Protein backbone atom coordinates (compact mmCIF):
# COMPACT_ATOMS: atom_id res chain seq x y z
CA UNK A 1 20.87 10.28 18.31
CA UNK A 2 22.74 7.22 17.38
CA UNK A 3 21.73 5.72 13.89
CA UNK A 4 22.49 3.21 11.23
CA UNK A 5 22.80 4.35 7.73
CA UNK A 6 21.79 1.35 5.26
CA UNK A 7 21.69 1.53 1.52
CA UNK A 8 21.91 5.38 1.90
CA UNK A 9 18.95 5.89 4.55
CA UNK A 10 19.28 6.50 8.23
CA UNK A 11 17.40 4.72 10.55
CA UNK A 12 16.51 7.49 12.97
CA UNK A 13 14.58 8.61 9.79
CA UNK A 14 12.16 5.56 10.38
CA UNK A 15 12.04 5.94 14.16
CA UNK A 16 15.00 3.25 14.56
CA UNK A 17 17.58 3.99 17.01
CA UNK A 18 20.93 2.08 18.25
CA UNK A 19 19.82 1.65 21.97
CA UNK A 20 23.79 0.98 22.84
CA UNK A 21 27.48 0.63 21.58
CA UNK A 22 27.64 -2.11 19.31
CA UNK A 23 30.15 -4.82 19.43
CA UNK A 24 33.12 -4.63 17.01
CA UNK A 25 33.44 -7.79 15.60
CA UNK A 26 36.08 -8.67 12.32
CA UNK A 27 36.77 -11.22 10.15
CA UNK A 28 39.63 -13.53 10.67
CA UNK A 29 42.29 -14.80 7.97
CA UNK A 30 41.21 -17.95 5.66
CA UNK A 31 43.68 -20.27 5.70
CA UNK A 32 43.89 -23.74 5.05
CA UNK A 33 45.63 -26.34 7.23
CA UNK A 34 48.09 -28.80 5.82
CA UNK A 35 48.72 -32.52 7.20
CA UNK A 36 51.97 -34.27 6.19
CA UNK A 37 52.44 -37.90 6.89
CA UNK A 38 55.17 -38.38 9.27
CA UNK A 39 55.26 -34.64 10.56
CA UNK A 40 53.57 -33.51 13.64
CA UNK A 41 51.23 -30.73 13.85
CA UNK A 42 49.81 -28.78 11.02
CA UNK A 43 51.33 -26.73 8.38
CA UNK A 44 49.24 -23.12 7.47
CA UNK A 45 48.72 -22.27 3.65
CA UNK A 46 47.61 -18.57 3.76
CA UNK A 47 44.77 -17.62 1.11
CA UNK A 48 45.15 -13.93 1.31
CA UNK A 49 41.72 -13.53 1.92
CA UNK A 50 39.61 -12.71 5.19
CA UNK A 51 35.92 -14.21 5.92
CA UNK A 52 32.90 -12.25 6.58
CA UNK A 53 31.44 -11.12 10.08
CA UNK A 54 28.30 -10.63 11.50
CA UNK A 55 27.33 -7.26 12.84
CA UNK A 56 24.74 -6.40 15.36
CA UNK A 57 22.49 -3.70 16.37
CA UNK A 58 20.24 -3.66 19.21
CA UNK A 59 17.46 -1.08 18.16
CA UNK A 60 14.73 0.73 19.57
CA UNK A 61 11.77 0.66 17.30
CA UNK A 62 8.99 3.65 17.39
CA UNK A 63 6.98 6.11 15.41
CA UNK A 64 4.74 8.95 16.60
CA UNK A 65 2.55 8.56 13.60
CA UNK A 66 1.93 4.85 13.63
CA UNK A 67 1.50 1.81 15.72
CA UNK A 68 4.60 -0.74 16.63
CA UNK A 69 3.11 -3.24 14.08
CA UNK A 70 3.36 -0.44 10.83
CA UNK A 71 6.73 0.89 12.51
CA UNK A 72 8.18 -2.60 12.15
CA UNK A 73 6.75 -3.18 8.80
CA UNK A 74 8.69 -0.02 7.78
CA UNK A 75 11.40 -0.94 9.30
CA UNK A 76 11.53 -4.44 7.66
CA UNK A 77 10.89 -3.17 4.32
CA UNK A 78 14.25 -0.54 4.83
CA UNK A 79 16.35 -3.56 5.57
CA UNK A 80 15.12 -6.41 3.25
CA UNK A 81 14.34 -4.45 -0.04
CA UNK A 82 17.92 -3.87 -0.95
CA UNK A 83 19.24 -6.99 -2.46
CA UNK A 84 23.29 -8.18 -2.55
CA UNK A 85 25.99 -6.22 -0.84
CA UNK A 86 25.26 -2.39 -0.12
CA UNK A 87 26.87 0.26 1.94
CA UNK A 88 26.49 -0.02 5.36
CA UNK A 89 27.91 3.08 7.96
CA UNK A 90 26.94 4.27 11.53
CA UNK A 91 27.32 7.03 13.58
CA UNK A 92 29.76 5.15 16.22
CA UNK A 93 32.39 5.13 13.50
CA UNK A 94 31.93 7.80 10.85
CA UNK A 95 35.41 7.76 9.06
CA UNK A 96 34.74 4.32 7.80
CA UNK A 97 32.09 2.50 5.46
CA UNK A 98 31.31 -1.29 4.79
CA UNK A 99 29.83 -3.73 2.24
CA UNK A 100 26.85 -5.89 3.79
CA UNK A 101 24.30 -7.65 3.22
CA UNK A 102 21.05 -8.27 5.17
CA UNK A 103 19.11 -11.46 4.79
CA UNK A 104 17.33 -12.22 8.11
CA UNK A 105 13.99 -10.39 9.21
CA UNK A 106 14.74 -9.35 12.73
CA UNK A 107 12.36 -10.75 15.51
CA UNK A 108 10.96 -7.45 17.20
CA UNK A 109 9.33 -7.72 20.86
CA UNK A 110 6.45 -5.71 20.71
CA UNK A 111 6.10 -3.22 23.92
CA UNK A 112 1.95 -2.07 24.41
CA UNK A 113 1.77 -2.21 20.67
CA UNK A 114 3.63 1.24 20.62
CA UNK A 115 7.14 0.21 20.78
CA UNK A 116 9.39 -2.67 19.63
CA UNK A 117 13.37 -3.92 20.46
CA UNK A 118 14.87 -5.81 18.18
CA UNK A 119 18.47 -6.78 17.37
CA UNK A 120 19.28 -6.35 13.47
CA UNK A 121 22.44 -8.31 12.46
CA UNK A 122 24.09 -7.22 8.99
CA UNK A 123 26.56 -9.80 7.23
CA UNK A 124 29.82 -7.68 6.38
CA UNK A 125 32.62 -7.92 4.10
CA UNK A 126 35.79 -8.23 6.22
CA UNK A 127 37.19 -4.88 5.00
CA UNK A 128 36.25 -1.71 6.75
CA UNK A 129 36.73 0.88 4.05
CA UNK A 130 38.20 4.18 4.65
CA UNK A 131 36.16 7.37 3.48
CA UNK A 132 39.56 9.06 2.63
CA UNK A 133 39.94 6.43 0.54
CA UNK A 134 36.93 7.57 -1.94
CA UNK A 135 38.61 10.80 -2.65
CA UNK A 136 39.96 10.81 -6.39
CA UNK A 137 43.72 11.58 -6.68
CA UNK A 138 44.49 13.39 -10.11
CA UNK A 139 48.52 12.62 -11.23
CA UNK A 140 49.41 14.79 -13.75
CA UNK A 141 53.02 13.43 -13.22
CA UNK A 142 54.85 10.38 -12.32
CA UNK A 143 54.45 10.36 -8.29
CA UNK A 144 54.57 7.86 -5.00
CA UNK A 145 51.16 7.10 -3.15
CA UNK A 146 51.46 6.11 0.28
CA UNK A 147 49.49 3.26 1.61
CA UNK A 148 49.20 2.88 5.45
CA UNK A 149 46.72 0.03 5.51
CA UNK A 150 45.99 -3.21 3.56
CA UNK A 151 46.87 -3.97 -0.04
CA UNK A 152 43.84 -1.89 -1.88
CA UNK A 153 42.39 -2.41 -4.91
CA UNK A 154 41.82 0.71 -6.54
CA UNK A 155 39.87 2.37 -9.57
CA UNK A 156 42.11 4.05 -12.05
CA UNK A 157 41.34 6.15 -15.19
CA UNK A 158 44.09 6.45 -17.60
CA UNK A 159 43.64 9.75 -19.85
CA UNK A 160 45.46 10.09 -22.99
CA UNK A 161 45.66 8.69 -26.64
CA UNK A 162 46.91 5.63 -28.51
CA UNK A 163 49.37 3.14 -27.39
CA UNK A 164 50.77 3.63 -23.41
CA UNK A 165 51.95 1.88 -20.39
CA UNK A 166 50.67 2.39 -16.82
CA UNK A 167 53.22 1.00 -14.02
CA UNK A 168 51.85 0.92 -10.42
CA UNK A 169 54.49 -0.49 -8.01
CA UNK A 170 55.70 -3.82 -9.75
CA UNK A 171 52.97 -4.13 -12.16
CA UNK A 172 52.21 -2.66 -15.77
CA UNK A 173 49.38 -2.76 -17.80
CA UNK A 174 49.80 -1.75 -21.76
CA UNK A 175 46.90 0.26 -23.05
CA UNK A 176 45.71 1.32 -26.19
CA UNK A 177 43.62 4.08 -25.40
CA UNK A 178 41.06 5.14 -28.36
CA UNK A 179 38.29 7.30 -26.75
CA UNK A 180 39.92 9.58 -24.11
CA UNK A 181 40.37 7.40 -21.19
CA UNK A 182 40.19 3.69 -19.81
CA UNK A 183 39.10 2.86 -16.47
CA UNK A 184 40.45 -0.07 -14.68
CA UNK A 185 38.27 -1.74 -12.25
CA UNK A 186 41.29 -3.51 -10.37
CA UNK A 187 38.85 -5.06 -8.00
CA UNK A 188 36.61 -6.85 -10.33
CA UNK A 189 39.33 -7.10 -13.26
CA UNK A 190 37.58 -5.18 -15.88
CA UNK A 191 38.51 -2.39 -18.22
CA UNK A 192 36.09 0.15 -19.93
CA UNK A 193 36.19 3.23 -21.73
CA UNK A 194 33.21 5.69 -22.82
CA UNK A 195 32.15 3.32 -25.18
CA UNK A 196 32.11 0.16 -22.99
CA UNK A 197 34.28 -2.94 -22.43
CA UNK A 198 37.76 -2.12 -23.08
CA UNK A 199 39.04 -5.51 -21.93
CA UNK A 200 40.46 -6.20 -25.47
CA UNK A 201 42.38 -2.63 -25.21
CA UNK A 202 44.54 -3.70 -22.37
CA UNK A 203 47.28 -6.12 -21.77
CA UNK A 204 48.20 -7.29 -18.25
CA UNK A 205 49.20 -10.44 -16.34
CA UNK A 206 47.12 -9.01 -13.42
CA UNK A 207 45.54 -5.73 -12.32
CA UNK A 208 47.71 -3.25 -10.42
CA UNK A 209 47.20 -3.18 -6.56
CA UNK A 210 48.42 -0.79 -4.16
CA UNK A 211 50.32 -2.81 -1.32
CA UNK A 212 51.11 -1.32 2.17
CA UNK A 213 54.06 1.15 2.04
CA UNK A 214 55.32 3.45 -1.08
CA UNK A 215 53.95 2.77 -4.18
CA UNK A 216 55.70 4.25 -7.35
CA UNK A 217 53.15 5.28 -10.27
CA UNK A 218 54.66 5.98 -13.69
CA UNK A 219 53.53 6.03 -17.37
CA UNK A 220 54.70 5.98 -20.54
CA UNK A 221 53.61 6.24 -24.31
CA UNK A 222 50.12 7.96 -25.14
CA UNK A 223 49.37 8.59 -21.38
CA UNK A 224 48.74 11.80 -20.36
CA UNK A 225 47.50 11.65 -16.80
CA UNK A 226 46.02 9.28 -14.55
CA UNK A 227 43.28 9.43 -11.52
CA UNK A 228 43.20 7.01 -8.74
CA UNK A 229 40.42 6.14 -6.10
CA UNK A 230 42.70 3.92 -3.79
CA UNK A 231 39.69 2.38 -1.56
CA UNK A 232 42.11 2.15 1.58
CA UNK A 233 40.65 -0.52 3.91
CA UNK A 234 41.63 -1.80 7.22
């Protein structure tokens, strides 16, 4: 049975079944067009980012216990109660997940007050994250990671004591580890340790990323080991 898994709950648990293979849209690059007086055409200024896209699912709504209006109310509660970006999966591409929002209440065709048909549309972050990228890799000595996908923004846990330096590719982060470890949230640009905010315990011109290809990871000083959750995406 085909299903959507939204914010941890499968649609088929609520009597909502995807009727047919969904479209496979994707977000395009965000670019700025630059015009120069006296020069033909336009120049392209890359922003390095991609735009959101809409993901529709055509669904069939039914429930043996309740009539169509009650089943639809339950479906809308499932869709609209979560706020902000939440995890979206489906049975058609089980190796990936997305970050998505659902802000529109779907119109539902009522069939004899027993069944319903609707199109559910999610507003998706352009990245399709690979579930294999959720695995935390423990490094007890310097190593090379290989990124076969797009530039990733990992979560990194740096364990040790005292002053040290972590280098990921061409980016070095100076750390003062006082409480066992420092967690680097590279996407959001934050650092924390068991005591809370630890931004004042690091110094770096920018947070590390994992660019495509081989990425050398080394450390010095009080760093003892490193854990990386890479968040590979396509």
